[in-house]
Amino acid sequence: MNRQERRKANSGKPKSVVAITCEIFSTPNLGDREVHLDVGKMRAWAEKNIQPEKIRIVAEHVKRLIDGGTVTEDRVMDHTIHHIPKPILVCEHPDGLGDEIVDGNHTYVATALSWASAVEQGLLSPSVTPFVVGYGLRPAQWRRFLVSASQLRGRG
């Protein structure tokens, strides 16, 4: 069967579509404009090139994540607590204006709640600084995972 015969035989049949997907994190908090980051590629690179470190948990940040709706109780209870947590991904602001969790907000909150429970039960001293394990990426490291707006439009 030649190519034209195959085309004729296959006409009208549904075409198989392969979707290439990746997780994109978008934020206006890492510079003067919104940035889009390929989280999957960033995580793979971080796991090979960066040592995990202790990322300090800040109670005010936990409260903002919950109050702002970024983290939901349903997601923590239905998903996060049933998996071994991966280190979170944190990108440093280029001007030193703080950090942005780009992957692992639910892990961050679940760890904070677990830590608070341990303190309340007397298992940890309140003077111990709570932390979550994560990869901290400097601007020169996370910029390689930027995705342009035109690349995003091309995905749609």
N, C-alpha and C. Protein backbone atom coordinates (compact mmCIF):
# COMPACT_ATOMS: atom_id res chain seq x y z
N MET A 1 0.85 -1.17 0.00
CA MET A 1 0.00 0.00 0.00
C MET A 1 0.90 1.24 0.00
N ASN A 2 0.65 2.13 -0.94
CA ASN A 2 1.45 3.35 -0.98
C ASN A 2 0.84 4.43 -0.08
N ARG A 3 1.51 5.55 -0.02
CA ARG A 3 1.11 6.62 0.89
C ARG A 3 -0.30 7.12 0.60
N GLN A 4 -0.65 7.31 -0.66
CA GLN A 4 -1.98 7.82 -1.00
C GLN A 4 -3.06 6.81 -0.64
N GLU A 5 -2.77 5.55 -0.81
CA GLU A 5 -3.75 4.52 -0.44
C GLU A 5 -3.95 4.49 1.09
N ARG A 6 -2.86 4.66 1.82
CA ARG A 6 -2.97 4.72 3.29
C ARG A 6 -3.79 5.92 3.72
N ARG A 7 -3.55 7.07 3.09
CA ARG A 7 -4.31 8.28 3.43
C ARG A 7 -5.79 8.07 3.17
N LYS A 8 -6.11 7.48 2.03
CA LYS A 8 -7.51 7.25 1.68
C LYS A 8 -8.14 6.27 2.68
N ALA A 9 -7.42 5.22 3.03
CA ALA A 9 -7.94 4.22 3.97
C ALA A 9 -8.13 4.82 5.37
N ASN A 10 -7.28 5.77 5.73
CA ASN A 10 -7.35 6.36 7.06
C ASN A 10 -8.21 7.62 7.13
N SER A 11 -8.71 8.10 6.00
CA SER A 11 -9.51 9.33 6.03
C SER A 11 -10.79 9.08 6.82
N GLY A 12 -11.15 10.04 7.61
CA GLY A 12 -12.35 9.92 8.44
C GLY A 12 -12.11 9.24 9.78
N LYS A 13 -10.99 8.57 9.92
CA LYS A 13 -10.67 7.95 11.21
C LYS A 13 -10.12 9.02 12.15
N PRO A 14 -10.43 8.89 13.43
CA PRO A 14 -9.87 9.88 14.37
C PRO A 14 -8.35 9.82 14.40
N LYS A 15 -7.76 10.97 14.43
CA LYS A 15 -6.30 11.06 14.48
C LYS A 15 -5.84 10.97 15.92
N SER A 16 -4.75 10.28 16.13
CA SER A 16 -4.20 10.25 17.48
C SER A 16 -3.41 11.53 17.70
N VAL A 17 -3.66 12.14 18.82
CA VAL A 17 -3.00 13.40 19.15
C VAL A 17 -2.13 13.16 20.38
N VAL A 18 -0.89 13.54 20.26
CA VAL A 18 0.02 13.43 21.39
C VAL A 18 0.18 14.81 21.98
N ALA A 19 -0.18 14.93 23.24
CA ALA A 19 -0.04 16.22 23.91
C ALA A 19 1.23 16.21 24.74
N ILE A 20 2.04 17.20 24.54
CA ILE A 20 3.24 17.35 25.34
C ILE A 20 2.89 18.34 26.44
N THR A 21 2.99 17.89 27.66
CA THR A 21 2.63 18.76 28.77
C THR A 21 3.81 18.94 29.70
N CYS A 22 3.81 20.06 30.35
CA CYS A 22 4.79 20.32 31.39
C CYS A 22 4.15 21.30 32.36
N GLU A 23 4.67 21.31 33.56
CA GLU A 23 4.11 22.20 34.57
C GLU A 23 4.80 23.55 34.48
N ILE A 24 4.00 24.58 34.29
CA ILE A 24 4.52 25.94 34.22
C ILE A 24 4.05 26.69 35.46
N PHE A 25 4.97 27.37 36.12
CA PHE A 25 4.64 28.21 37.26
C PHE A 25 4.79 29.66 36.81
N SER A 26 3.75 30.46 36.99
CA SER A 26 3.79 31.87 36.61
C SER A 26 3.68 32.73 37.86
N THR A 27 4.51 33.77 37.92
CA THR A 27 4.48 34.66 39.08
C THR A 27 4.96 36.06 38.70
N PRO A 28 4.38 37.09 39.30
CA PRO A 28 4.88 38.44 39.12
C PRO A 28 5.92 38.80 40.19
N ASN A 29 6.25 37.86 41.06
CA ASN A 29 7.06 38.16 42.25
C ASN A 29 8.56 37.93 42.10
N LEU A 30 9.04 37.70 40.89
CA LEU A 30 10.48 37.46 40.72
C LEU A 30 11.13 38.50 39.81
N GLY A 31 10.61 39.68 39.81
CA GLY A 31 11.19 40.73 38.99
C GLY A 31 10.17 41.81 38.71
N ASP A 32 10.39 42.53 37.62
CA ASP A 32 9.53 43.67 37.31
C ASP A 32 8.36 43.29 36.39
N ARG A 33 8.27 42.03 36.01
CA ARG A 33 7.17 41.57 35.16
C ARG A 33 6.87 40.11 35.50
N GLU A 34 5.76 39.61 34.98
CA GLU A 34 5.41 38.21 35.24
C GLU A 34 6.41 37.29 34.52
N VAL A 35 6.83 36.26 35.22
CA VAL A 35 7.72 35.27 34.62
C VAL A 35 7.04 33.91 34.66
N HIS A 36 7.42 33.06 33.71
CA HIS A 36 6.87 31.71 33.60
C HIS A 36 8.06 30.75 33.65
N LEU A 37 7.97 29.74 34.51
CA LEU A 37 9.07 28.81 34.72
C LEU A 37 8.63 27.38 34.46
N ASP A 38 9.47 26.61 33.78
CA ASP A 38 9.22 25.19 33.54
C ASP A 38 9.66 24.42 34.78
N VAL A 39 8.71 24.08 35.62
CA VAL A 39 9.00 23.46 36.92
C VAL A 39 9.56 22.05 36.77
N GLY A 40 9.07 21.29 35.81
CA GLY A 40 9.55 19.92 35.61
C GLY A 40 11.03 19.88 35.29
N LYS A 41 11.44 20.70 34.33
CA LYS A 41 12.86 20.76 33.97
C LYS A 41 13.69 21.32 35.11
N MET A 42 13.13 22.31 35.82
CA MET A 42 13.85 22.91 36.95
C MET A 42 14.10 21.85 38.03
N ARG A 43 13.08 21.07 38.36
CA ARG A 43 13.24 20.04 39.39
C ARG A 43 14.29 19.01 38.97
N ALA A 44 14.21 18.54 37.73
CA ALA A 44 15.17 17.54 37.25
C ALA A 44 16.60 18.08 37.35
N TRP A 45 16.78 19.34 36.96
CA TRP A 45 18.11 19.94 37.02
C TRP A 45 18.56 20.10 38.47
N ALA A 46 17.69 20.58 39.33
CA ALA A 46 18.03 20.81 40.74
C ALA A 46 18.43 19.50 41.42
N GLU A 47 17.70 18.43 41.14
CA GLU A 47 18.01 17.14 41.76
C GLU A 47 19.40 16.65 41.38
N LYS A 48 19.87 17.02 40.20
CA LYS A 48 21.20 16.59 39.75
C LYS A 48 22.32 17.54 40.14
N ASN A 49 21.98 18.81 40.38
CA ASN A 49 23.03 19.83 40.51
C ASN A 49 23.08 20.60 41.82
N ILE A 50 22.08 20.47 42.66
CA ILE A 50 22.04 21.26 43.89
C ILE A 50 21.82 20.32 45.08
N GLN A 51 22.49 20.61 46.16
CA GLN A 51 22.26 19.86 47.40
C GLN A 51 21.00 20.40 48.08
N PRO A 52 20.12 19.51 48.54
CA PRO A 52 18.97 19.99 49.31
C PRO A 52 19.44 20.74 50.55
N GLU A 53 18.66 21.70 50.97
CA GLU A 53 19.01 22.49 52.15
C GLU A 53 17.78 22.70 53.02
N LYS A 54 18.00 23.22 54.21
CA LYS A 54 16.90 23.56 55.11
C LYS A 54 16.35 24.92 54.68
N ILE A 55 15.05 24.95 54.39
CA ILE A 55 14.37 26.19 54.06
C ILE A 55 13.51 26.55 55.27
N ARG A 56 13.78 27.70 55.85
CA ARG A 56 13.07 28.12 57.06
C ARG A 56 11.59 28.33 56.78
N ILE A 57 10.75 27.83 57.67
CA ILE A 57 9.30 28.04 57.58
C ILE A 57 8.95 29.32 58.33
N VAL A 58 8.22 30.19 57.66
CA VAL A 58 7.81 31.47 58.24
C VAL A 58 6.29 31.43 58.42
N ALA A 59 5.83 31.58 59.66
CA ALA A 59 4.41 31.46 59.98
C ALA A 59 3.55 32.42 59.15
N GLU A 60 4.02 33.64 58.94
CA GLU A 60 3.25 34.63 58.17
C GLU A 60 3.07 34.17 56.72
N HIS A 61 4.09 33.52 56.19
CA HIS A 61 4.00 33.02 54.81
C HIS A 61 2.99 31.88 54.73
N VAL A 62 3.01 31.00 55.72
CA VAL A 62 2.03 29.90 55.77
C VAL A 62 0.62 30.47 55.79
N LYS A 63 0.41 31.47 56.61
CA LYS A 63 -0.91 32.12 56.72
C LYS A 63 -1.34 32.73 55.39
N ARG A 64 -0.41 33.40 54.69
CA ARG A 64 -0.72 34.00 53.39
C ARG A 64 -1.10 32.93 52.36
N LEU A 65 -0.37 31.81 52.37
CA LEU A 65 -0.67 30.74 51.42
C LEU A 65 -2.07 30.16 51.64
N ILE A 66 -2.45 30.04 52.90
CA ILE A 66 -3.78 29.50 53.22
C ILE A 66 -4.86 30.54 52.97
N ASP A 67 -4.69 31.74 53.52
CA ASP A 67 -5.70 32.80 53.38
C ASP A 67 -5.90 33.21 51.93
N GLY A 68 -4.82 33.19 51.14
CA GLY A 68 -4.90 33.58 49.73
C GLY A 68 -5.44 32.49 48.82
N GLY A 69 -5.64 31.29 49.35
CA GLY A 69 -6.20 30.20 48.55
C GLY A 69 -5.17 29.43 47.73
N THR A 70 -3.89 29.77 47.87
CA THR A 70 -2.86 29.03 47.14
C THR A 70 -2.82 27.58 47.62
N VAL A 71 -2.98 27.40 48.92
CA VAL A 71 -3.00 26.07 49.52
C VAL A 71 -4.39 25.83 50.09
N THR A 72 -4.94 24.67 49.76
CA THR A 72 -6.26 24.31 50.27
C THR A 72 -6.16 23.11 51.19
N GLU A 73 -7.03 23.08 52.18
CA GLU A 73 -7.05 21.96 53.11
C GLU A 73 -7.36 20.66 52.37
N ASP A 74 -8.28 20.72 51.40
CA ASP A 74 -8.64 19.52 50.65
C ASP A 74 -7.42 18.91 49.95
N ARG A 75 -6.63 19.75 49.31
CA ARG A 75 -5.44 19.25 48.59
C ARG A 75 -4.44 18.66 49.57
N VAL A 76 -4.23 19.31 50.70
CA VAL A 76 -3.29 18.78 51.71
C VAL A 76 -3.79 17.43 52.20
N MET A 77 -5.08 17.34 52.52
CA MET A 77 -5.63 16.10 53.09
C MET A 77 -5.78 14.99 52.06
N ASP A 78 -6.15 15.33 50.83
CA ASP A 78 -6.40 14.31 49.81
C ASP A 78 -5.15 13.87 49.05
N HIS A 79 -4.13 14.69 49.03
CA HIS A 79 -2.96 14.36 48.22
C HIS A 79 -1.65 14.43 49.01
N THR A 80 -1.35 15.59 49.53
CA THR A 80 -0.03 15.85 50.11
C THR A 80 0.34 14.88 51.22
N ILE A 81 -0.58 14.61 52.14
CA ILE A 81 -0.22 13.76 53.28
C ILE A 81 -0.10 12.29 52.90
N HIS A 82 -0.49 11.92 51.69
CA HIS A 82 -0.42 10.52 51.26
C HIS A 82 0.84 10.22 50.44
N HIS A 83 1.71 11.17 50.31
CA HIS A 83 2.93 10.99 49.52
C HIS A 83 4.15 11.40 50.33
N ILE A 84 5.25 10.75 50.03
CA ILE A 84 6.51 11.18 50.64
C ILE A 84 6.86 12.51 49.98
N PRO A 85 7.04 13.56 50.78
CA PRO A 85 7.27 14.87 50.17
C PRO A 85 8.61 14.97 49.45
N LYS A 86 8.56 15.63 48.30
CA LYS A 86 9.78 15.95 47.57
C LYS A 86 10.28 17.29 48.11
N PRO A 87 11.57 17.53 47.99
CA PRO A 87 12.07 18.86 48.38
C PRO A 87 11.34 19.94 47.57
N ILE A 88 11.03 21.04 48.23
CA ILE A 88 10.36 22.13 47.53
C ILE A 88 11.37 22.87 46.66
N LEU A 89 10.87 23.65 45.71
CA LEU A 89 11.72 24.48 44.86
C LEU A 89 11.47 25.94 45.22
N VAL A 90 12.54 26.64 45.56
CA VAL A 90 12.44 28.04 45.97
C VAL A 90 13.38 28.87 45.10
N CYS A 91 12.84 29.91 44.48
CA CYS A 91 13.65 30.80 43.65
C CYS A 91 13.90 32.11 44.40
N GLU A 92 15.16 32.50 44.41
CA GLU A 92 15.57 33.75 45.06
C GLU A 92 15.24 34.93 44.15
N HIS A 93 14.68 35.98 44.72
CA HIS A 93 14.38 37.20 43.96
C HIS A 93 15.70 37.84 43.51
N PRO A 94 15.79 38.31 42.27
CA PRO A 94 17.04 38.87 41.77
C PRO A 94 17.52 40.10 42.54
N ASP A 95 16.60 40.84 43.16
CA ASP A 95 16.99 42.04 43.90
C ASP A 95 17.03 41.80 45.41
N GLY A 96 17.01 40.53 45.81
CA GLY A 96 17.06 40.20 47.23
C GLY A 96 15.79 40.55 47.98
N LEU A 97 14.66 40.63 47.28
CA LEU A 97 13.40 41.04 47.91
C LEU A 97 12.58 39.86 48.42
N GLY A 98 13.21 38.75 48.69
CA GLY A 98 12.49 37.58 49.19
C GLY A 98 12.59 36.43 48.23
N ASP A 99 11.96 35.35 48.60
CA ASP A 99 11.99 34.13 47.81
C ASP A 99 10.58 33.77 47.38
N GLU A 100 10.49 32.93 46.37
CA GLU A 100 9.20 32.47 45.86
C GLU A 100 9.24 30.95 45.78
N ILE A 101 8.27 30.30 46.44
CA ILE A 101 8.14 28.84 46.31
C ILE A 101 7.47 28.59 44.96
N VAL A 102 8.17 27.92 44.05
CA VAL A 102 7.61 27.66 42.74
C VAL A 102 7.05 26.24 42.63
N ASP A 103 7.42 25.38 43.55
CA ASP A 103 6.83 24.04 43.61
C ASP A 103 6.96 23.54 45.05
N GLY A 104 5.84 23.17 45.64
CA GLY A 104 5.88 22.63 46.99
C GLY A 104 5.16 23.45 48.03
N ASN A 105 4.24 24.32 47.62
CA ASN A 105 3.50 25.13 48.59
C ASN A 105 2.72 24.26 49.58
N HIS A 106 2.09 23.20 49.08
CA HIS A 106 1.32 22.32 49.97
C HIS A 106 2.24 21.56 50.91
N THR A 107 3.40 21.14 50.43
CA THR A 107 4.38 20.47 51.29
C THR A 107 4.86 21.43 52.37
N TYR A 108 5.10 22.67 52.00
CA TYR A 108 5.55 23.71 52.94
C TYR A 108 4.53 23.87 54.07
N VAL A 109 3.26 23.99 53.71
CA VAL A 109 2.20 24.18 54.70
C VAL A 109 2.01 22.92 55.54
N ALA A 110 1.99 21.75 54.91
CA ALA A 110 1.82 20.50 55.66
C ALA A 110 2.95 20.30 56.66
N THR A 111 4.17 20.62 56.25
CA THR A 111 5.32 20.50 57.16
C THR A 111 5.18 21.49 58.31
N ALA A 112 4.75 22.70 58.02
CA ALA A 112 4.55 23.71 59.07
C ALA A 112 3.51 23.24 60.08
N LEU A 113 2.43 22.67 59.59
CA LEU A 113 1.38 22.19 60.50
C LEU A 113 1.87 21.02 61.34
N SER A 114 2.64 20.14 60.74
CA SER A 114 3.20 19.01 61.47
C SER A 114 4.16 19.50 62.55
N TRP A 115 4.98 20.48 62.18
CA TRP A 115 5.94 21.07 63.13
C TRP A 115 5.19 21.71 64.30
N ALA A 116 4.14 22.47 63.98
CA ALA A 116 3.35 23.13 65.03
C ALA A 116 2.71 22.11 65.96
N SER A 117 2.25 21.01 65.40
CA SER A 117 1.66 19.95 66.22
C SER A 117 2.70 19.34 67.16
N ALA A 118 3.91 19.12 66.65
CA ALA A 118 4.98 18.55 67.48
C ALA A 118 5.34 19.49 68.63
N VAL A 119 5.35 20.79 68.36
CA VAL A 119 5.63 21.77 69.42
C VAL A 119 4.49 21.75 70.44
N GLU A 120 3.26 21.72 69.95
CA GLU A 120 2.10 21.72 70.85
C GLU A 120 2.08 20.47 71.74
N GLN A 121 2.55 19.35 71.21
CA GLN A 121 2.58 18.10 71.98
C GLN A 121 3.81 17.98 72.88
N GLY A 122 4.68 18.98 72.82
CA GLY A 122 5.87 18.97 73.66
C GLY A 122 7.01 18.14 73.11
N LEU A 123 6.91 17.73 71.84
CA LEU A 123 7.96 16.92 71.22
C LEU A 123 9.10 17.77 70.68
N LEU A 124 8.83 19.02 70.40
CA LEU A 124 9.84 19.96 69.93
C LEU A 124 9.75 21.23 70.75
N SER A 125 10.88 21.85 70.95
CA SER A 125 10.92 23.12 71.66
C SER A 125 10.46 24.24 70.73
N PRO A 126 9.67 25.18 71.22
CA PRO A 126 9.27 26.31 70.39
C PRO A 126 10.45 27.14 69.90
N SER A 127 11.60 26.99 70.56
CA SER A 127 12.77 27.77 70.15
C SER A 127 13.47 27.16 68.93
N VAL A 128 13.11 25.94 68.57
CA VAL A 128 13.72 25.30 67.39
C VAL A 128 13.10 25.93 66.14
N THR A 129 13.95 26.36 65.21
CA THR A 129 13.47 26.99 63.98
C THR A 129 12.90 25.94 63.04
N PRO A 130 11.63 26.05 62.67
CA PRO A 130 11.04 25.06 61.77
C PRO A 130 11.60 25.20 60.35
N PHE A 131 11.73 24.06 59.68
CA PHE A 131 12.25 24.09 58.31
C PHE A 131 11.61 22.99 57.48
N VAL A 132 11.71 23.15 56.18
CA VAL A 132 11.31 22.15 55.21
C VAL A 132 12.52 21.95 54.30
N VAL A 133 12.67 20.76 53.75
CA VAL A 133 13.79 20.48 52.86
C VAL A 133 13.45 21.02 51.47
N GLY A 134 14.42 21.69 50.86
CA GLY A 134 14.17 22.24 49.54
C GLY A 134 15.44 22.56 48.78
N TYR A 135 15.24 22.93 47.54
CA TYR A 135 16.33 23.39 46.68
C TYR A 135 16.17 24.90 46.52
N GLY A 136 17.20 25.64 46.88
CA GLY A 136 17.19 27.08 46.70
C GLY A 136 17.93 27.44 45.43
N LEU A 137 17.25 28.07 44.49
CA LEU A 137 17.86 28.44 43.22
C LEU A 137 18.12 29.93 43.16
N ARG A 138 19.33 30.29 42.82
CA ARG A 138 19.72 31.68 42.63
C ARG A 138 19.19 32.13 41.25
N PRO A 139 19.08 33.44 41.03
CA PRO A 139 18.56 33.91 39.74
C PRO A 139 19.29 33.33 38.53
N ALA A 140 20.61 33.24 38.59
CA ALA A 140 21.35 32.68 37.46
C ALA A 140 20.99 31.22 37.20
N GLN A 141 20.54 30.54 38.25
CA GLN A 141 20.15 29.14 38.09
C GLN A 141 18.72 29.01 37.57
N TRP A 142 17.77 29.79 38.11
CA TRP A 142 16.38 29.60 37.68
C TRP A 142 16.07 30.27 36.35
N ARG A 143 16.86 31.25 35.94
CA ARG A 143 16.56 31.94 34.67
C ARG A 143 16.64 31.01 33.46
N ARG A 144 17.42 29.95 33.55
CA ARG A 144 17.53 29.02 32.42
C ARG A 144 16.22 28.26 32.16
N PHE A 145 15.27 28.34 33.11
CA PHE A 145 14.00 27.63 32.98
C PHE A 145 12.85 28.56 32.64
N LEU A 146 13.18 29.80 32.25
CA LEU A 146 12.15 30.75 31.83
C LEU A 146 11.49 30.28 30.54
N VAL A 147 10.19 30.47 30.48
CA VAL A 147 9.42 30.17 29.28
C VAL A 147 8.80 31.49 28.84
N SER A 148 8.99 31.84 27.58
CA SER A 148 8.48 33.13 27.10
C SER A 148 6.97 33.05 26.88
N ALA A 149 6.34 34.22 26.85
CA ALA A 149 4.90 34.29 26.62
C ALA A 149 4.55 33.69 25.25
N SER A 150 5.41 33.91 24.25
CA SER A 150 5.14 33.35 22.92
C SER A 150 5.22 31.82 22.94
N GLN A 151 6.11 31.27 23.75
CA GLN A 151 6.18 29.81 23.88
C GLN A 151 4.91 29.28 24.54
N LEU A 152 4.38 30.03 25.50
CA LEU A 152 3.13 29.61 26.16
C LEU A 152 1.97 29.63 25.17
N ARG A 153 1.90 30.66 24.35
CA ARG A 153 0.82 30.74 23.36
C ARG A 153 0.92 29.58 22.38
N GLY A 154 2.12 29.18 22.05
CA GLY A 154 2.32 28.07 21.12
C GLY A 154 1.88 26.73 21.67
N ARG A 155 1.75 26.64 23.00
CA ARG A 155 1.35 25.38 23.63
C ARG A 155 -0.16 25.17 23.56
N GLY A 156 -0.91 26.27 23.46
CA GLY A 156 -2.33 26.25 23.67
C GLY A 156 -3.17 25.64 22.64
